[in-house]
Amino acid sequence: MRNVYVKEQAIAILKTYTELPVGAKAPPITGSSFDGQPSRLFLDNSSTPTIIFVISAVCPYCTQSWPTFKSVLDQASKESRPRVVFVDLTDLVDEAYLHRHRIERKAVIRNIDCETRIKYSFQITPQVIVVGRDGTIRGVWTGRLRPRDAKLVAATTLE
């Protein structure tokens, strides 16, 4: 019984450090483009929702989540045509990684600055964040994304 309580407490503490509150305004993401140019992505007043995938090239859970990421994109694209952004936390995503996962260079932000890392608590991958057209956080999923989560993530882009 004690182990269950400790596990629940650990999960609650982890969530306070890894998840933005749903309904909060999404701060800009500052870093650099794949080509090394300064980049600042503003998420408020967008014509479409935004799906942010926080990834690492060396994360086994990111690799396991790719089929579900693809499913989310397929489902969401049918309805809401979201803007998709990949935040590379380790700066190890290279051309081969982009090609293997069919990611456009312009969709990648890397070299994330400290202020952005703190505001978003970017420290665990994978993470999926859905930001609505009005710039508010609609949903946050941390850890391996499972197939059953795909419909929920895609549906969140429609809100």
N, C-alpha and C. Protein backbone atom coordinates (compact mmCIF):
# COMPACT_ATOMS: atom_id res chain seq x y z
N MET A 1 0.82 -1.18 0.00
CA MET A 1 0.00 0.00 0.00
C MET A 1 0.87 1.25 0.00
N ARG A 2 1.93 1.24 0.80
CA ARG A 2 2.82 2.40 0.87
C ARG A 2 3.47 2.67 -0.48
N ASN A 3 3.86 1.62 -1.20
CA ASN A 3 4.50 1.80 -2.51
C ASN A 3 3.57 2.50 -3.49
N VAL A 4 2.29 2.20 -3.44
CA VAL A 4 1.32 2.85 -4.32
C VAL A 4 1.25 4.34 -3.99
N TYR A 5 1.21 4.66 -2.71
CA TYR A 5 1.16 6.06 -2.28
C TYR A 5 2.42 6.81 -2.73
N VAL A 6 3.57 6.21 -2.52
CA VAL A 6 4.84 6.84 -2.91
C VAL A 6 4.87 7.06 -4.42
N LYS A 7 4.42 6.07 -5.18
CA LYS A 7 4.40 6.21 -6.64
C LYS A 7 3.46 7.35 -7.05
N GLU A 8 2.28 7.43 -6.47
CA GLU A 8 1.34 8.50 -6.79
C GLU A 8 1.92 9.87 -6.45
N GLN A 9 2.61 9.97 -5.32
CA GLN A 9 3.23 11.23 -4.94
C GLN A 9 4.34 11.61 -5.91
N ALA A 10 5.14 10.63 -6.31
CA ALA A 10 6.23 10.89 -7.25
C ALA A 10 5.67 11.39 -8.59
N ILE A 11 4.60 10.78 -9.06
CA ILE A 11 3.98 11.21 -10.32
C ILE A 11 3.44 12.63 -10.18
N ALA A 12 2.80 12.94 -9.06
CA ALA A 12 2.25 14.29 -8.84
C ALA A 12 3.37 15.33 -8.83
N ILE A 13 4.48 15.03 -8.17
CA ILE A 13 5.61 15.95 -8.12
C ILE A 13 6.21 16.13 -9.51
N LEU A 14 6.39 15.03 -10.23
CA LEU A 14 6.95 15.10 -11.58
C LEU A 14 6.09 15.96 -12.48
N LYS A 15 4.77 15.81 -12.40
CA LYS A 15 3.87 16.60 -13.24
C LYS A 15 3.98 18.09 -12.96
N THR A 16 4.24 18.48 -11.71
CA THR A 16 4.37 19.90 -11.42
C THR A 16 5.59 20.49 -12.09
N TYR A 17 6.58 19.67 -12.38
CA TYR A 17 7.79 20.16 -13.02
C TYR A 17 7.77 19.98 -14.54
N THR A 18 6.87 19.19 -15.05
CA THR A 18 6.95 18.86 -16.48
C THR A 18 5.74 19.29 -17.29
N GLU A 19 4.73 19.82 -16.68
CA GLU A 19 3.55 20.16 -17.47
C GLU A 19 3.11 21.58 -17.25
N LEU A 20 2.89 22.28 -18.35
CA LEU A 20 2.26 23.59 -18.28
C LEU A 20 0.79 23.38 -17.97
N PRO A 21 0.20 24.27 -17.22
CA PRO A 21 -1.23 24.09 -16.92
C PRO A 21 -2.10 24.32 -18.16
N VAL A 22 -3.05 23.45 -18.35
CA VAL A 22 -4.01 23.61 -19.45
C VAL A 22 -4.77 24.91 -19.20
N GLY A 23 -4.89 25.72 -20.24
CA GLY A 23 -5.56 27.01 -20.14
C GLY A 23 -4.60 28.18 -20.00
N ALA A 24 -3.33 27.90 -19.68
CA ALA A 24 -2.33 28.97 -19.56
C ALA A 24 -1.90 29.45 -20.95
N LYS A 25 -1.46 30.70 -21.03
CA LYS A 25 -0.92 31.23 -22.28
C LYS A 25 0.43 30.58 -22.55
N ALA A 26 0.64 30.16 -23.78
CA ALA A 26 1.91 29.54 -24.16
C ALA A 26 2.95 30.63 -24.43
N PRO A 27 4.06 30.59 -23.72
CA PRO A 27 5.11 31.58 -23.98
C PRO A 27 5.80 31.29 -25.31
N PRO A 28 6.47 32.28 -25.89
CA PRO A 28 7.22 32.03 -27.12
C PRO A 28 8.32 31.00 -26.88
N ILE A 29 8.70 30.29 -27.92
CA ILE A 29 9.81 29.33 -27.85
C ILE A 29 10.99 29.97 -28.57
N THR A 30 12.09 30.13 -27.83
CA THR A 30 13.27 30.79 -28.38
C THR A 30 14.42 29.80 -28.47
N GLY A 31 15.05 29.77 -29.63
CA GLY A 31 16.19 28.89 -29.87
C GLY A 31 16.80 29.25 -31.19
N SER A 32 17.13 28.25 -31.98
CA SER A 32 17.64 28.50 -33.32
C SER A 32 17.04 27.50 -34.29
N SER A 33 17.05 27.89 -35.55
CA SER A 33 16.54 27.00 -36.59
C SER A 33 17.53 25.85 -36.80
N PHE A 34 17.14 24.90 -37.61
CA PHE A 34 18.03 23.77 -37.90
C PHE A 34 19.32 24.27 -38.54
N ASP A 35 19.24 25.39 -39.26
CA ASP A 35 20.40 25.96 -39.95
C ASP A 35 21.22 26.89 -39.06
N GLY A 36 20.83 27.02 -37.78
CA GLY A 36 21.60 27.82 -36.85
C GLY A 36 21.19 29.28 -36.73
N GLN A 37 20.15 29.68 -37.44
CA GLN A 37 19.69 31.06 -37.36
C GLN A 37 18.81 31.25 -36.12
N PRO A 38 18.90 32.44 -35.47
CA PRO A 38 18.02 32.68 -34.31
C PRO A 38 16.56 32.50 -34.69
N SER A 39 15.80 31.90 -33.78
CA SER A 39 14.40 31.62 -34.06
C SER A 39 13.58 31.89 -32.81
N ARG A 40 12.44 32.54 -33.00
CA ARG A 40 11.52 32.78 -31.88
C ARG A 40 10.11 32.51 -32.40
N LEU A 41 9.48 31.50 -31.86
CA LEU A 41 8.15 31.09 -32.29
C LEU A 41 7.11 31.63 -31.33
N PHE A 42 6.24 32.49 -31.84
CA PHE A 42 5.13 33.02 -31.04
C PHE A 42 3.91 32.15 -31.29
N LEU A 43 3.20 31.82 -30.24
CA LEU A 43 2.10 30.86 -30.35
C LEU A 43 0.73 31.49 -30.14
N ASP A 44 0.67 32.80 -29.98
CA ASP A 44 -0.63 33.43 -29.77
C ASP A 44 -1.19 33.96 -31.09
N ASN A 45 -2.47 34.02 -31.19
CA ASN A 45 -3.18 34.54 -32.36
C ASN A 45 -2.76 33.88 -33.67
N SER A 46 -2.67 32.58 -33.65
CA SER A 46 -2.33 31.83 -34.85
C SER A 46 -3.62 31.47 -35.59
N SER A 47 -3.53 31.32 -36.88
CA SER A 47 -4.71 30.95 -37.66
C SER A 47 -5.02 29.46 -37.51
N THR A 48 -4.06 28.70 -37.01
CA THR A 48 -4.26 27.26 -36.80
C THR A 48 -3.71 26.86 -35.44
N PRO A 49 -4.17 25.74 -34.90
CA PRO A 49 -3.57 25.23 -33.66
C PRO A 49 -2.14 24.77 -33.93
N THR A 50 -1.37 24.60 -32.88
CA THR A 50 0.02 24.16 -33.01
C THR A 50 0.22 22.90 -32.18
N ILE A 51 0.88 21.92 -32.76
CA ILE A 51 1.29 20.73 -32.03
C ILE A 51 2.81 20.80 -31.89
N ILE A 52 3.28 20.77 -30.65
CA ILE A 52 4.72 20.80 -30.37
C ILE A 52 5.14 19.42 -29.91
N PHE A 53 6.09 18.83 -30.64
CA PHE A 53 6.66 17.55 -30.24
C PHE A 53 8.04 17.85 -29.66
N VAL A 54 8.24 17.55 -28.38
CA VAL A 54 9.54 17.74 -27.74
C VAL A 54 10.25 16.40 -27.82
N ILE A 55 11.39 16.38 -28.53
CA ILE A 55 12.05 15.12 -28.85
C ILE A 55 13.54 15.17 -28.53
N SER A 56 14.14 14.00 -28.56
CA SER A 56 15.58 13.84 -28.46
C SER A 56 15.96 12.71 -29.42
N ALA A 57 17.02 12.91 -30.15
CA ALA A 57 17.46 11.89 -31.11
C ALA A 57 17.93 10.61 -30.43
N VAL A 58 18.26 10.68 -29.16
CA VAL A 58 18.77 9.51 -28.45
C VAL A 58 17.76 8.93 -27.47
N CYS A 59 16.53 9.40 -27.52
CA CYS A 59 15.49 8.96 -26.59
C CYS A 59 14.78 7.71 -27.13
N PRO A 60 14.86 6.58 -26.43
CA PRO A 60 14.19 5.38 -26.91
C PRO A 60 12.67 5.52 -26.90
N TYR A 61 12.13 6.31 -25.97
CA TYR A 61 10.69 6.50 -25.91
C TYR A 61 10.19 7.36 -27.08
N CYS A 62 11.04 8.29 -27.53
CA CYS A 62 10.69 9.07 -28.72
C CYS A 62 10.59 8.14 -29.93
N THR A 63 11.56 7.23 -30.04
CA THR A 63 11.56 6.27 -31.15
C THR A 63 10.31 5.40 -31.09
N GLN A 64 9.95 4.94 -29.90
CA GLN A 64 8.76 4.11 -29.74
C GLN A 64 7.49 4.90 -30.04
N SER A 65 7.52 6.21 -29.85
CA SER A 65 6.33 7.05 -30.04
C SER A 65 6.14 7.51 -31.48
N TRP A 66 7.12 7.33 -32.36
CA TRP A 66 6.99 7.85 -33.73
C TRP A 66 5.76 7.35 -34.47
N PRO A 67 5.41 6.07 -34.42
CA PRO A 67 4.19 5.64 -35.11
C PRO A 67 2.95 6.39 -34.61
N THR A 68 2.90 6.65 -33.30
CA THR A 68 1.76 7.38 -32.74
C THR A 68 1.82 8.85 -33.13
N PHE A 69 3.03 9.45 -33.16
CA PHE A 69 3.16 10.83 -33.64
C PHE A 69 2.57 10.94 -35.04
N LYS A 70 2.94 9.99 -35.90
CA LYS A 70 2.43 9.99 -37.28
C LYS A 70 0.91 9.88 -37.30
N SER A 71 0.37 9.03 -36.46
CA SER A 71 -1.08 8.86 -36.38
C SER A 71 -1.76 10.16 -35.94
N VAL A 72 -1.17 10.84 -34.94
CA VAL A 72 -1.70 12.13 -34.48
C VAL A 72 -1.73 13.11 -35.64
N LEU A 73 -0.63 13.20 -36.36
CA LEU A 73 -0.55 14.15 -37.48
C LEU A 73 -1.56 13.82 -38.57
N ASP A 74 -1.71 12.55 -38.87
CA ASP A 74 -2.69 12.14 -39.90
C ASP A 74 -4.10 12.51 -39.47
N GLN A 75 -4.45 12.22 -38.23
CA GLN A 75 -5.81 12.49 -37.74
C GLN A 75 -6.07 13.99 -37.64
N ALA A 76 -5.11 14.73 -37.09
CA ALA A 76 -5.30 16.18 -36.90
C ALA A 76 -5.32 16.91 -38.23
N SER A 77 -4.52 16.46 -39.19
CA SER A 77 -4.45 17.14 -40.48
C SER A 77 -5.75 17.06 -41.26
N LYS A 78 -6.52 16.01 -41.02
CA LYS A 78 -7.80 15.88 -41.73
C LYS A 78 -8.77 16.97 -41.35
N GLU A 79 -8.70 17.43 -40.11
CA GLU A 79 -9.68 18.39 -39.59
C GLU A 79 -9.13 19.80 -39.43
N SER A 80 -8.03 19.93 -38.71
CA SER A 80 -7.62 21.28 -38.29
C SER A 80 -6.37 21.82 -38.97
N ARG A 81 -5.65 21.00 -39.70
CA ARG A 81 -4.41 21.40 -40.35
C ARG A 81 -3.50 22.19 -39.40
N PRO A 82 -3.04 21.55 -38.33
CA PRO A 82 -2.23 22.26 -37.33
C PRO A 82 -0.83 22.57 -37.84
N ARG A 83 -0.24 23.59 -37.25
CA ARG A 83 1.18 23.87 -37.45
C ARG A 83 1.91 22.87 -36.56
N VAL A 84 2.98 22.28 -37.06
CA VAL A 84 3.72 21.26 -36.32
C VAL A 84 5.15 21.76 -36.09
N VAL A 85 5.59 21.68 -34.85
CA VAL A 85 6.93 22.12 -34.47
C VAL A 85 7.61 21.00 -33.70
N PHE A 86 8.86 20.75 -34.01
CA PHE A 86 9.66 19.77 -33.28
C PHE A 86 10.72 20.52 -32.49
N VAL A 87 10.72 20.35 -31.17
CA VAL A 87 11.71 20.97 -30.31
C VAL A 87 12.75 19.90 -30.00
N ASP A 88 13.98 20.11 -30.47
CA ASP A 88 15.08 19.17 -30.29
C ASP A 88 15.84 19.54 -29.02
N LEU A 89 15.63 18.80 -27.94
CA LEU A 89 16.26 19.15 -26.67
C LEU A 89 17.74 18.83 -26.60
N THR A 90 18.20 17.88 -27.38
CA THR A 90 19.60 17.46 -27.28
C THR A 90 20.48 18.04 -28.38
N ASP A 91 19.87 18.71 -29.35
CA ASP A 91 20.60 19.27 -30.49
C ASP A 91 21.36 18.19 -31.27
N LEU A 92 20.85 16.97 -31.23
CA LEU A 92 21.49 15.86 -31.93
C LEU A 92 20.71 15.41 -33.17
N VAL A 93 19.59 16.04 -33.43
CA VAL A 93 18.82 15.70 -34.63
C VAL A 93 19.64 16.15 -35.84
N ASP A 94 19.92 15.20 -36.74
CA ASP A 94 20.72 15.52 -37.93
C ASP A 94 19.90 15.25 -39.19
N GLU A 95 20.52 15.44 -40.34
CA GLU A 95 19.83 15.25 -41.62
C GLU A 95 19.26 13.84 -41.75
N ALA A 96 20.00 12.84 -41.32
CA ALA A 96 19.52 11.46 -41.42
C ALA A 96 18.26 11.25 -40.58
N TYR A 97 18.24 11.83 -39.39
CA TYR A 97 17.07 11.74 -38.50
C TYR A 97 15.87 12.40 -39.16
N LEU A 98 16.08 13.60 -39.72
CA LEU A 98 14.99 14.31 -40.40
C LEU A 98 14.44 13.48 -41.55
N HIS A 99 15.34 12.93 -42.34
CA HIS A 99 14.93 12.13 -43.51
C HIS A 99 14.18 10.87 -43.07
N ARG A 100 14.69 10.20 -42.05
CA ARG A 100 14.08 8.95 -41.58
C ARG A 100 12.65 9.18 -41.09
N HIS A 101 12.41 10.35 -40.46
CA HIS A 101 11.09 10.63 -39.90
C HIS A 101 10.29 11.62 -40.73
N ARG A 102 10.82 11.97 -41.89
CA ARG A 102 10.14 12.89 -42.82
C ARG A 102 9.75 14.21 -42.15
N ILE A 103 10.72 14.82 -41.50
CA ILE A 103 10.53 16.11 -40.84
C ILE A 103 11.17 17.19 -41.71
N GLU A 104 10.46 18.27 -41.92
CA GLU A 104 11.03 19.39 -42.66
C GLU A 104 11.97 20.17 -41.76
N ARG A 105 13.07 20.64 -42.34
CA ARG A 105 14.05 21.40 -41.57
C ARG A 105 13.43 22.62 -40.89
N LYS A 106 12.50 23.27 -41.59
CA LYS A 106 11.92 24.50 -41.04
C LYS A 106 11.04 24.24 -39.81
N ALA A 107 10.68 22.99 -39.56
CA ALA A 107 9.81 22.67 -38.43
C ALA A 107 10.59 22.39 -37.15
N VAL A 108 11.92 22.43 -37.21
CA VAL A 108 12.75 22.08 -36.06
C VAL A 108 13.30 23.33 -35.38
N ILE A 109 13.17 23.37 -34.05
CA ILE A 109 13.81 24.40 -33.24
C ILE A 109 14.75 23.68 -32.29
N ARG A 110 15.98 24.15 -32.24
CA ARG A 110 16.97 23.54 -31.36
C ARG A 110 17.70 24.61 -30.59
N ASN A 111 18.72 24.25 -29.83
CA ASN A 111 19.46 25.21 -29.01
C ASN A 111 18.49 26.07 -28.20
N ILE A 112 17.55 25.43 -27.55
CA ILE A 112 16.51 26.13 -26.79
C ILE A 112 17.17 26.92 -25.66
N ASP A 113 16.80 28.19 -25.54
CA ASP A 113 17.42 29.02 -24.51
C ASP A 113 16.91 28.65 -23.12
N CYS A 114 17.67 29.06 -22.11
CA CYS A 114 17.36 28.68 -20.72
C CYS A 114 15.99 29.17 -20.28
N GLU A 115 15.63 30.40 -20.66
CA GLU A 115 14.34 30.95 -20.25
C GLU A 115 13.18 30.10 -20.76
N THR A 116 13.27 29.67 -22.02
CA THR A 116 12.22 28.82 -22.59
C THR A 116 12.19 27.47 -21.90
N ARG A 117 13.36 26.89 -21.65
CA ARG A 117 13.43 25.59 -20.96
C ARG A 117 12.76 25.67 -19.59
N ILE A 118 12.97 26.77 -18.89
CA ILE A 118 12.38 26.93 -17.56
C ILE A 118 10.87 27.13 -17.67
N LYS A 119 10.43 28.01 -18.57
CA LYS A 119 8.99 28.29 -18.69
C LYS A 119 8.20 27.05 -19.05
N TYR A 120 8.75 26.23 -19.94
CA TYR A 120 8.06 25.02 -20.38
C TYR A 120 8.45 23.80 -19.56
N SER A 121 9.44 23.92 -18.69
CA SER A 121 9.99 22.77 -17.96
C SER A 121 10.42 21.68 -18.93
N PHE A 122 11.06 22.10 -20.03
CA PHE A 122 11.55 21.13 -21.01
C PHE A 122 12.69 20.36 -20.38
N GLN A 123 12.44 19.11 -20.02
CA GLN A 123 13.49 18.26 -19.49
C GLN A 123 13.23 16.78 -19.74
N ILE A 124 12.02 16.46 -20.08
CA ILE A 124 11.67 15.06 -20.31
C ILE A 124 11.15 14.91 -21.73
N THR A 125 11.62 13.86 -22.41
CA THR A 125 11.11 13.56 -23.75
C THR A 125 10.57 12.16 -23.75
N PRO A 126 9.64 11.87 -24.62
CA PRO A 126 8.95 12.81 -25.48
C PRO A 126 7.86 13.57 -24.72
N GLN A 127 7.50 14.67 -25.28
CA GLN A 127 6.41 15.47 -24.73
C GLN A 127 5.63 16.04 -25.92
N VAL A 128 4.32 16.06 -25.80
CA VAL A 128 3.46 16.64 -26.83
C VAL A 128 2.65 17.74 -26.17
N ILE A 129 2.67 18.92 -26.79
CA ILE A 129 1.92 20.06 -26.27
C ILE A 129 1.04 20.57 -27.39
N VAL A 130 -0.25 20.72 -27.12
CA VAL A 130 -1.17 21.28 -28.11
C VAL A 130 -1.53 22.69 -27.65
N VAL A 131 -1.32 23.65 -28.56
CA VAL A 131 -1.64 25.05 -28.30
C VAL A 131 -2.76 25.46 -29.25
N GLY A 132 -3.82 26.03 -28.69
CA GLY A 132 -4.96 26.46 -29.51
C GLY A 132 -4.66 27.71 -30.32
N ARG A 133 -5.59 28.06 -31.19
CA ARG A 133 -5.46 29.25 -32.02
C ARG A 133 -5.26 30.52 -31.20
N ASP A 134 -5.84 30.54 -30.00
CA ASP A 134 -5.75 31.72 -29.14
C ASP A 134 -4.48 31.76 -28.30
N GLY A 135 -3.60 30.76 -28.49
CA GLY A 135 -2.33 30.76 -27.78
C GLY A 135 -2.37 30.14 -26.40
N THR A 136 -3.46 29.45 -26.06
CA THR A 136 -3.53 28.79 -24.75
C THR A 136 -3.21 27.31 -24.89
N ILE A 137 -2.64 26.78 -23.83
CA ILE A 137 -2.30 25.35 -23.79
C ILE A 137 -3.61 24.56 -23.71
N ARG A 138 -3.81 23.65 -24.65
CA ARG A 138 -5.02 22.81 -24.69
C ARG A 138 -4.78 21.43 -24.10
N GLY A 139 -3.54 20.98 -24.14
CA GLY A 139 -3.22 19.66 -23.59
C GLY A 139 -1.73 19.42 -23.57
N VAL A 140 -1.29 18.60 -22.60
CA VAL A 140 0.12 18.24 -22.47
C VAL A 140 0.19 16.75 -22.18
N TRP A 141 1.01 16.05 -22.95
CA TRP A 141 1.24 14.62 -22.74
C TRP A 141 2.73 14.42 -22.57
N THR A 142 3.14 13.81 -21.46
CA THR A 142 4.55 13.59 -21.16
C THR A 142 4.82 12.10 -21.11
N GLY A 143 5.92 11.70 -21.73
CA GLY A 143 6.29 10.29 -21.76
C GLY A 143 5.86 9.65 -23.07
N ARG A 144 6.08 8.37 -23.15
CA ARG A 144 5.77 7.63 -24.37
C ARG A 144 4.31 7.81 -24.75
N LEU A 145 4.07 8.24 -25.97
CA LEU A 145 2.71 8.44 -26.46
C LEU A 145 2.18 7.10 -26.96
N ARG A 146 1.06 6.69 -26.43
CA ARG A 146 0.48 5.40 -26.80
C ARG A 146 -0.58 5.59 -27.88
N PRO A 147 -0.85 4.55 -28.66
CA PRO A 147 -1.84 4.67 -29.74
C PRO A 147 -3.20 5.19 -29.26
N ARG A 148 -3.61 4.80 -28.06
CA ARG A 148 -4.92 5.26 -27.58
C ARG A 148 -4.94 6.77 -27.33
N ASP A 149 -3.74 7.38 -27.16
CA ASP A 149 -3.65 8.82 -26.94
C ASP A 149 -3.79 9.62 -28.24
N ALA A 150 -3.55 8.99 -29.37
CA ALA A 150 -3.52 9.70 -30.66
C ALA A 150 -4.83 10.42 -30.95
N LYS A 151 -5.95 9.74 -30.76
CA LYS A 151 -7.25 10.37 -31.03
C LYS A 151 -7.50 11.54 -30.10
N LEU A 152 -7.10 11.39 -28.85
CA LEU A 152 -7.31 12.45 -27.88
C LEU A 152 -6.47 13.68 -28.22
N VAL A 153 -5.20 13.46 -28.58
CA VAL A 153 -4.33 14.57 -28.96
C VAL A 153 -4.90 15.27 -30.20
N ALA A 154 -5.29 14.49 -31.21
CA ALA A 154 -5.84 15.07 -32.45
C ALA A 154 -7.14 15.83 -32.16
N ALA A 155 -7.99 15.28 -31.31
CA ALA A 155 -9.25 15.95 -30.97
C ALA A 155 -9.00 17.26 -30.24
N THR A 156 -7.92 17.33 -29.47
CA THR A 156 -7.60 18.55 -28.74
C THR A 156 -7.28 19.70 -29.69
N THR A 157 -6.79 19.39 -30.88
CA THR A 157 -6.49 20.47 -31.84
C THR A 157 -7.76 21.09 -32.40
N LEU A 158 -8.91 20.43 -32.22
CA LEU A 158 -10.18 20.94 -32.75
C LEU A 158 -10.88 21.89 -31.78
N GLU A 159 -10.48 21.90 -30.53
CA GLU A 159 -11.16 22.72 -29.52
C GLU A 159 -10.95 24.20 -29.78
